[in-house]
């Protein structure tokens, strides 16, 4: 390390020694530690003792080289002028200063290496977590589609078995619904109005299979056309109402309410329970959609399910 005081002109040799030779040594020990010592002894083999020994030896070697150069060039490296007086560093003092100087470059390279690795590891972890979440979402969606298709085909099979004239209409409705599920729902979000149209098509498909009619009241309010939602998020609630509820009682229709504003989507489904309709297999609908909510809207949704003796009420609020 070289100190200059006053404004005495510096020679070309001064610059070559101070910034050329000494600069090359500083850069060399920085990158020897950064490229060789840390990767070899810490990242690769975890040999911390060898790293510390190599670290100290590198400081000692650089200090020796710099001190020898200073002894050979005392006029440029050891002498200084301050307050009009000329002074000279002792070799020991110069060596001690050089030890700290070398240590600074080695510690700096170590800190930079560890910080870069930390950010790289964090980035990798975030990418892996994002990929894991995407894979899980795709898996949940792949469960949802066959689950819906299985139930719909069962309904159409019942109509065909009864040789109902409604079979062709049911197949056409199912085709429209599947077109939405396959092609339009492959984007991260869709217009809430499209999701509502999808629910309406599903309800119409379900009504076809009931001889005595199915009674559903859907109420829409707010900014339905202007909001976005993750596709296929609401269908499981409506599907459960048809699968487990009473939909043929005109005095107690299935009630679906959708209220949307710029911040909150409020969605609720209330249906009378059919206590004789016990599904032994359960289904993947509600557990599936709740897991999707946890992944897509973490801390941005509230799901409240009330299962009373006579009614089933699902209420969902999403911060959109």
Protein backbone atom coordinates (compact mmCIF):
# COMPACT_ATOMS: atom_id res chain seq x y z
CA UNK A 1 0.00 0.00 0.00
CA UNK A 2 1.40 3.38 -1.00
CA UNK A 3 0.48 6.73 0.59
CA UNK A 4 1.09 10.05 -1.16
CA UNK A 5 0.92 13.36 0.61
CA UNK A 6 1.16 16.90 -0.75
CA UNK A 7 0.92 17.54 -4.44
CA UNK A 8 4.45 16.69 -5.54
CA UNK A 9 4.43 15.60 -9.20
CA UNK A 10 4.49 11.85 -9.68
CA UNK A 11 6.67 10.19 -12.31
CA UNK A 12 5.71 7.56 -14.83
CA UNK A 13 7.55 5.00 -12.73
CA UNK A 14 5.38 5.95 -9.76
CA UNK A 15 2.24 5.19 -11.75
CA UNK A 16 3.63 1.95 -13.18
CA UNK A 17 4.58 0.64 -9.76
CA UNK A 18 1.55 1.87 -7.79
CA UNK A 19 -1.22 1.17 -10.28
CA UNK A 20 0.43 -1.20 -12.71
CA UNK A 21 2.48 -3.74 -10.77
CA UNK A 22 0.63 -3.42 -7.46
CA UNK A 23 -2.72 -3.29 -9.27
CA UNK A 24 -1.93 -6.51 -11.13
CA UNK A 25 -1.02 -8.21 -7.85
CA UNK A 26 -4.23 -7.03 -6.18
CA UNK A 27 -6.38 -8.18 -9.09
CA UNK A 28 -4.48 -11.49 -9.20
CA UNK A 29 -5.06 -12.37 -5.54
CA UNK A 30 -8.70 -11.26 -5.86
CA UNK A 31 -9.37 -13.68 -8.73
CA UNK A 32 -7.17 -16.49 -7.38
CA UNK A 33 -9.41 -16.54 -4.34
CA UNK A 34 -12.61 -15.98 -6.33
CA UNK A 35 -11.94 -18.47 -9.15
CA UNK A 36 -9.73 -21.12 -7.51
CA UNK A 37 -9.74 -21.18 -3.71
CA UNK A 38 -13.44 -20.68 -2.99
CA UNK A 39 -14.77 -23.00 -5.73
CA UNK A 40 -12.19 -25.74 -5.00
CA UNK A 41 -12.03 -25.78 -1.21
CA UNK A 42 -15.46 -24.47 -0.15
CA UNK A 43 -18.03 -25.12 -2.87
CA UNK A 44 -16.66 -28.37 -4.22
CA UNK A 45 -14.87 -30.27 -1.46
CA UNK A 46 -15.96 -28.39 1.71
CA UNK A 47 -12.34 -28.37 2.93
CA UNK A 48 -12.56 -25.27 5.08
CA UNK A 49 -9.25 -25.82 6.86
CA UNK A 50 -7.37 -26.00 3.57
CA UNK A 51 -9.17 -22.88 2.42
CA UNK A 52 -8.06 -20.94 5.51
CA UNK A 53 -4.46 -22.16 5.11
CA UNK A 54 -4.47 -21.23 1.40
CA UNK A 55 -6.05 -17.88 2.24
CA UNK A 56 -3.25 -17.07 4.71
CA UNK A 57 -0.52 -18.32 2.38
CA UNK A 58 -1.87 -16.17 -0.45
CA UNK A 59 -1.79 -13.08 1.78
CA UNK A 60 1.76 -13.94 2.86
CA UNK A 61 2.96 -14.53 -0.71
CA UNK A 62 1.43 -11.29 -1.99
CA UNK A 63 2.86 -9.37 0.99
CA UNK A 64 6.32 -10.80 0.35
CA UNK A 65 6.21 -9.90 -3.34
CA UNK A 66 5.00 -6.36 -2.66
CA UNK A 67 7.56 -5.82 0.09
CA UNK A 68 10.42 -7.00 -2.11
CA UNK A 69 9.28 -4.65 -4.86
CA UNK A 70 9.10 -1.81 -2.34
CA UNK A 71 12.61 -2.53 -1.03
CA UNK A 72 13.91 -2.50 -4.59
CA UNK A 73 12.09 0.78 -5.31
CA UNK A 74 12.24 2.75 -2.05
CA UNK A 75 12.07 6.18 -3.70
CA UNK A 76 8.67 5.42 -5.26
CA UNK A 77 7.12 3.15 -2.65
CA UNK A 78 8.64 3.75 0.77
CA UNK A 79 9.33 7.48 0.85
CA UNK A 80 6.67 10.13 1.36
CA UNK A 81 6.53 13.89 1.86
CA UNK A 82 4.18 15.54 4.34
CA UNK A 83 4.16 19.13 5.60
CA UNK A 84 7.36 19.82 3.69
CA UNK A 85 9.23 17.02 5.43
CA UNK A 86 10.43 13.86 3.75
CA UNK A 87 9.82 10.60 5.57
CA UNK A 88 10.23 6.91 4.85
CA UNK A 89 8.20 3.87 5.82
CA UNK A 90 10.08 1.12 7.53
CA UNK A 91 9.97 -2.23 5.77
CA UNK A 92 8.03 -3.75 8.67
CA UNK A 93 5.43 -0.97 8.61
CA UNK A 94 5.06 -1.31 4.87
CA UNK A 95 4.65 -5.08 5.20
CA UNK A 96 1.97 -4.71 7.90
CA UNK A 97 0.04 -2.21 5.76
CA UNK A 98 0.33 -4.58 2.82
CA UNK A 99 -1.06 -7.47 4.84
CA UNK A 100 -4.22 -5.46 5.53
CA UNK A 101 -4.39 -4.32 1.91
CA UNK A 102 -4.14 -7.90 0.62
CA UNK A 103 -6.63 -9.09 3.21
CA UNK A 104 -9.07 -6.43 2.03
CA UNK A 105 -8.99 -7.73 -1.56
CA UNK A 106 -9.33 -11.36 -0.48
CA UNK A 107 -12.16 -10.70 1.93
CA UNK A 108 -13.90 -8.58 -0.73
CA UNK A 109 -13.67 -11.39 -3.27
CA UNK A 110 -15.02 -13.86 -0.69
CA UNK A 111 -17.97 -11.63 0.17
CA UNK A 112 -18.78 -10.97 -3.49
CA UNK A 113 -18.59 -14.71 -4.26
CA UNK A 114 -20.89 -15.66 -1.39
CA UNK A 115 -23.38 -12.88 -2.15
CA UNK A 116 -23.54 -13.85 -5.83
CA UNK A 117 -24.01 -17.51 -4.89
CA UNK A 118 -26.73 -16.60 -2.42
CA UNK A 119 -28.66 -14.63 -5.03
CA UNK A 120 -28.14 -17.42 -7.57
CA UNK A 121 -29.41 -20.01 -5.11
CA UNK A 122 -32.42 -17.86 -4.27
CA UNK A 123 -33.18 -17.43 -7.96
CA UNK A 124 -32.91 -21.18 -8.55
CA UNK A 125 -35.16 -21.89 -5.57
CA UNK A 126 -37.73 -19.41 -6.83
CA UNK A 127 -37.65 -20.96 -10.29
CA UNK A 128 -37.97 -24.47 -8.87
CA UNK A 129 -40.85 -23.38 -6.65
CA UNK A 130 -42.54 -21.67 -9.59
CA UNK A 131 -42.13 -24.80 -11.74
CA UNK A 132 -43.42 -26.99 -8.91
CA UNK A 133 -46.48 -24.78 -8.46
CA UNK A 134 -47.14 -24.76 -12.21
CA UNK A 135 -46.86 -28.56 -12.38
CA UNK A 136 -49.22 -28.92 -9.43
CA UNK A 137 -51.71 -26.51 -10.99
CA UNK A 138 -51.61 -28.41 -14.26
CA UNK A 139 -52.13 -31.66 -12.37
CA UNK A 140 -55.09 -30.21 -10.48
CA UNK A 141 -56.57 -28.92 -13.71
CA UNK A 142 -56.05 -32.29 -15.39
CA UNK A 143 -58.00 -33.84 -12.49
CA UNK A 144 -60.79 -31.30 -12.78
CA UNK A 145 -61.48 -31.78 -16.49
CA UNK A 146 -61.90 -35.58 -16.41
CA UNK A 147 -63.93 -35.24 -13.20
CA UNK A 148 -66.37 -32.90 -14.93
CA UNK A 149 -66.40 -34.98 -18.12
CA UNK A 150 -67.05 -38.17 -16.16
CA UNK A 151 -70.12 -36.68 -14.47
CA UNK A 152 -71.45 -35.15 -17.69
CA UNK A 153 -71.06 -38.38 -19.65
CA UNK A 154 -72.91 -40.21 -16.89
CA UNK A 155 -75.78 -37.75 -17.29
CA UNK A 156 -75.83 -38.12 -21.08
CA UNK A 157 -75.67 -41.90 -20.72
CA UNK A 158 -78.80 -41.74 -18.56
CA UNK A 159 -80.59 -39.72 -21.24
CA UNK A 160 -79.49 -42.09 -23.99
CA UNK A 161 -80.54 -45.12 -21.93
CA UNK A 162 -83.98 -43.55 -21.56
CA UNK A 163 -83.99 -42.78 -25.30
CA UNK A 164 -84.69 -39.16 -24.45
CA UNK A 165 -85.12 -36.59 -27.20
CA UNK A 166 -82.84 -34.33 -25.14
CA UNK A 167 -79.77 -36.48 -25.76
CA UNK A 168 -78.67 -34.60 -28.89
CA UNK A 169 -79.05 -31.22 -27.16
CA UNK A 170 -77.06 -32.50 -24.18
CA UNK A 171 -74.23 -33.66 -26.43
CA UNK A 172 -74.19 -30.26 -28.19
CA UNK A 173 -74.04 -28.43 -24.84
CA UNK A 174 -71.24 -30.69 -23.67
CA UNK A 175 -69.36 -29.97 -26.89
CA UNK A 176 -69.63 -26.21 -26.27
CA UNK A 177 -68.46 -26.62 -22.69
CA UNK A 178 -65.52 -28.81 -23.65
CA UNK A 179 -64.49 -26.25 -26.28
CA UNK A 180 -64.23 -23.66 -23.53
CA UNK A 181 -62.36 -26.01 -21.20
CA UNK A 182 -59.85 -27.13 -23.82
CA UNK A 183 -59.19 -23.97 -25.82
CA UNK A 184 -60.27 -20.87 -23.92
CA UNK A 185 -59.24 -21.88 -20.41
CA UNK A 186 -55.57 -22.42 -21.23
CA UNK A 187 -54.70 -18.82 -20.39
CA UNK A 188 -53.75 -17.73 -16.84
CA UNK A 189 -56.93 -15.68 -16.54
CA UNK A 190 -60.14 -15.23 -18.48
CA UNK A 191 -62.86 -12.66 -18.47
CA UNK A 192 -65.28 -13.19 -15.60
CA UNK A 193 -68.12 -12.85 -18.11
CA UNK A 194 -66.79 -15.87 -20.03
CA UNK A 195 -66.59 -17.89 -16.83
CA UNK A 196 -70.19 -16.90 -16.07
CA UNK A 197 -71.27 -17.98 -19.57
CA UNK A 198 -69.53 -21.29 -18.94
CA UNK A 199 -71.48 -21.73 -15.69
CA UNK A 200 -74.73 -20.94 -17.53
CA UNK A 201 -73.94 -23.55 -20.19
CA UNK A 202 -73.22 -26.11 -17.51
CA UNK A 203 -76.50 -25.32 -15.75
CA UNK A 204 -78.42 -25.68 -19.03
CA UNK A 205 -76.71 -29.03 -19.63
CA UNK A 206 -77.74 -30.22 -16.18
CA UNK A 207 -81.33 -29.06 -16.61
CA UNK A 208 -81.73 -31.24 -19.68
CA UNK A 209 -81.50 -34.44 -17.66
CA UNK A 210 -84.26 -33.55 -15.19
CA UNK A 211 -87.73 -34.54 -16.39
CA UNK A 212 -89.50 -32.33 -13.87
CA UNK A 213 -87.14 -29.43 -14.42
CA UNK A 214 -84.27 -28.01 -12.38
CA UNK A 215 -84.61 -24.71 -10.59
CA UNK A 216 -81.64 -22.39 -10.41
CA UNK A 217 -81.55 -18.67 -9.70
CA UNK A 218 -78.38 -16.88 -10.75
CA UNK A 219 -77.95 -13.25 -9.74
CA UNK A 220 -75.21 -11.11 -11.27
CA UNK A 221 -74.22 -7.65 -10.13
CA UNK A 222 -71.25 -5.33 -10.34
CA UNK A 223 -68.53 -5.16 -12.97
CA UNK A 224 -68.83 -8.64 -14.45
CA UNK A 225 -67.51 -7.67 -17.88
CA UNK A 226 -64.42 -5.86 -16.60
CA UNK A 227 -62.91 -8.41 -14.22
CA UNK A 228 -60.57 -11.36 -14.71
CA UNK A 229 -60.46 -14.71 -12.94
CA UNK A 230 -58.51 -17.94 -13.14
CA UNK A 231 -60.55 -20.24 -15.42
CA UNK A 232 -62.58 -23.17 -14.06
CA UNK A 233 -62.39 -21.83 -10.51
CA UNK A 234 -66.14 -21.67 -9.80
CA UNK A 235 -67.53 -24.73 -11.55
CA UNK A 236 -66.94 -27.21 -8.71
CA UNK A 237 -69.29 -25.31 -6.39
CA UNK A 238 -72.11 -25.37 -8.93
CA UNK A 239 -71.39 -28.97 -9.84
CA UNK A 240 -71.68 -30.02 -6.19
CA UNK A 241 -75.06 -28.32 -5.90
CA UNK A 242 -76.40 -30.48 -8.73
CA UNK A 243 -74.65 -33.62 -7.60
CA UNK A 244 -75.53 -33.58 -3.90
CA UNK A 245 -78.40 -31.12 -3.62
CA UNK A 246 -82.11 -30.92 -4.36
CA UNK A 247 -82.61 -28.98 -7.60
CA UNK A 248 -86.17 -30.00 -8.46
CA UNK A 249 -87.96 -28.10 -5.69
CA UNK A 250 -89.32 -24.80 -7.11
CA UNK A 251 -89.82 -23.43 -3.61
CA UNK A 252 -86.10 -23.83 -2.82
CA UNK A 253 -84.07 -23.35 -5.98
CA UNK A 254 -80.30 -23.41 -6.08
CA UNK A 255 -79.21 -19.83 -5.54
CA UNK A 256 -76.03 -18.57 -7.18
CA UNK A 257 -74.90 -15.01 -6.48
CA UNK A 258 -71.95 -13.32 -8.18
CA UNK A 259 -70.94 -9.81 -7.17
CA UNK A 260 -67.82 -8.23 -8.67
CA UNK A 261 -66.15 -4.87 -8.23
CA UNK A 262 -62.65 -3.59 -8.87
CA UNK A 263 -61.23 -5.34 -5.81
CA UNK A 264 -63.41 -8.24 -4.64
CA UNK A 265 -65.28 -11.09 -6.28
CA UNK A 266 -68.03 -12.46 -4.06
CA UNK A 267 -69.44 -15.83 -5.15
CA UNK A 268 -71.92 -17.96 -3.25
CA UNK A 269 -73.96 -21.10 -3.88
CA UNK A 270 -76.79 -22.20 -1.59
CA UNK A 271 -78.70 -25.42 -2.16
CA UNK A 272 -81.06 -27.66 -0.24
CA UNK A 273 -79.37 -30.90 0.73
CA UNK A 274 -80.42 -34.25 -0.65
CA UNK A 275 -79.69 -36.48 2.32
CA UNK A 276 -80.47 -39.60 0.35
CA UNK A 277 -77.81 -38.83 -2.26
CA UNK A 278 -74.59 -40.13 -0.76
CA UNK A 279 -71.63 -40.24 -3.10
CA UNK A 280 -69.41 -43.06 -1.87
CA UNK A 281 -66.49 -41.91 -4.00
CA UNK A 282 -66.62 -38.33 -2.78
CA UNK A 283 -64.89 -36.55 -5.63
CA UNK A 284 -61.99 -34.23 -6.30
CA UNK A 285 -64.02 -31.06 -6.86
CA UNK A 286 -63.85 -28.96 -3.68
CA UNK A 287 -60.46 -30.18 -2.40
CA UNK A 288 -59.12 -29.52 -5.88
CA UNK A 289 -60.45 -25.97 -6.12
CA UNK A 290 -59.33 -25.12 -2.59
CA UNK A 291 -55.79 -26.23 -3.39
CA UNK A 292 -55.85 -24.14 -6.55
CA UNK A 293 -56.99 -21.16 -4.51
CA UNK A 294 -54.08 -21.66 -2.11
CA UNK A 295 -51.60 -21.72 -4.99
CA UNK A 296 -53.02 -18.93 -7.15
CA UNK A 297 -54.55 -16.57 -4.59
CA UNK A 298 -52.47 -17.05 -1.42
CA UNK A 299 -53.75 -14.78 1.36
CA UNK A 300 -56.15 -13.25 -1.17
CA UNK A 301 -59.21 -15.44 -0.72
CA UNK A 302 -61.67 -16.54 1.92
CA UNK A 303 -63.70 -19.72 1.57
CA UNK A 304 -66.53 -20.37 3.99
CA UNK A 305 -68.52 -23.62 3.79
CA UNK A 306 -71.58 -24.13 5.99
CA UNK A 307 -72.94 -27.67 6.03
CA UNK A 308 -76.18 -27.55 8.04
CA UNK A 309 -78.76 -30.27 8.49
CA UNK A 310 -80.87 -28.97 5.59
CA UNK A 311 -78.72 -26.72 3.42
CA UNK A 312 -75.25 -26.46 1.98
CA UNK A 313 -73.78 -22.98 1.59
CA UNK A 314 -70.45 -22.20 -0.10
CA UNK A 315 -69.23 -18.63 0.01
CA UNK A 316 -66.04 -17.55 -1.74
CA UNK A 317 -64.42 -14.11 -1.73
CA UNK A 318 -61.35 -13.42 -3.88
CA UNK A 319 -59.22 -10.31 -3.98
CA UNK A 320 -58.92 -9.92 -7.74
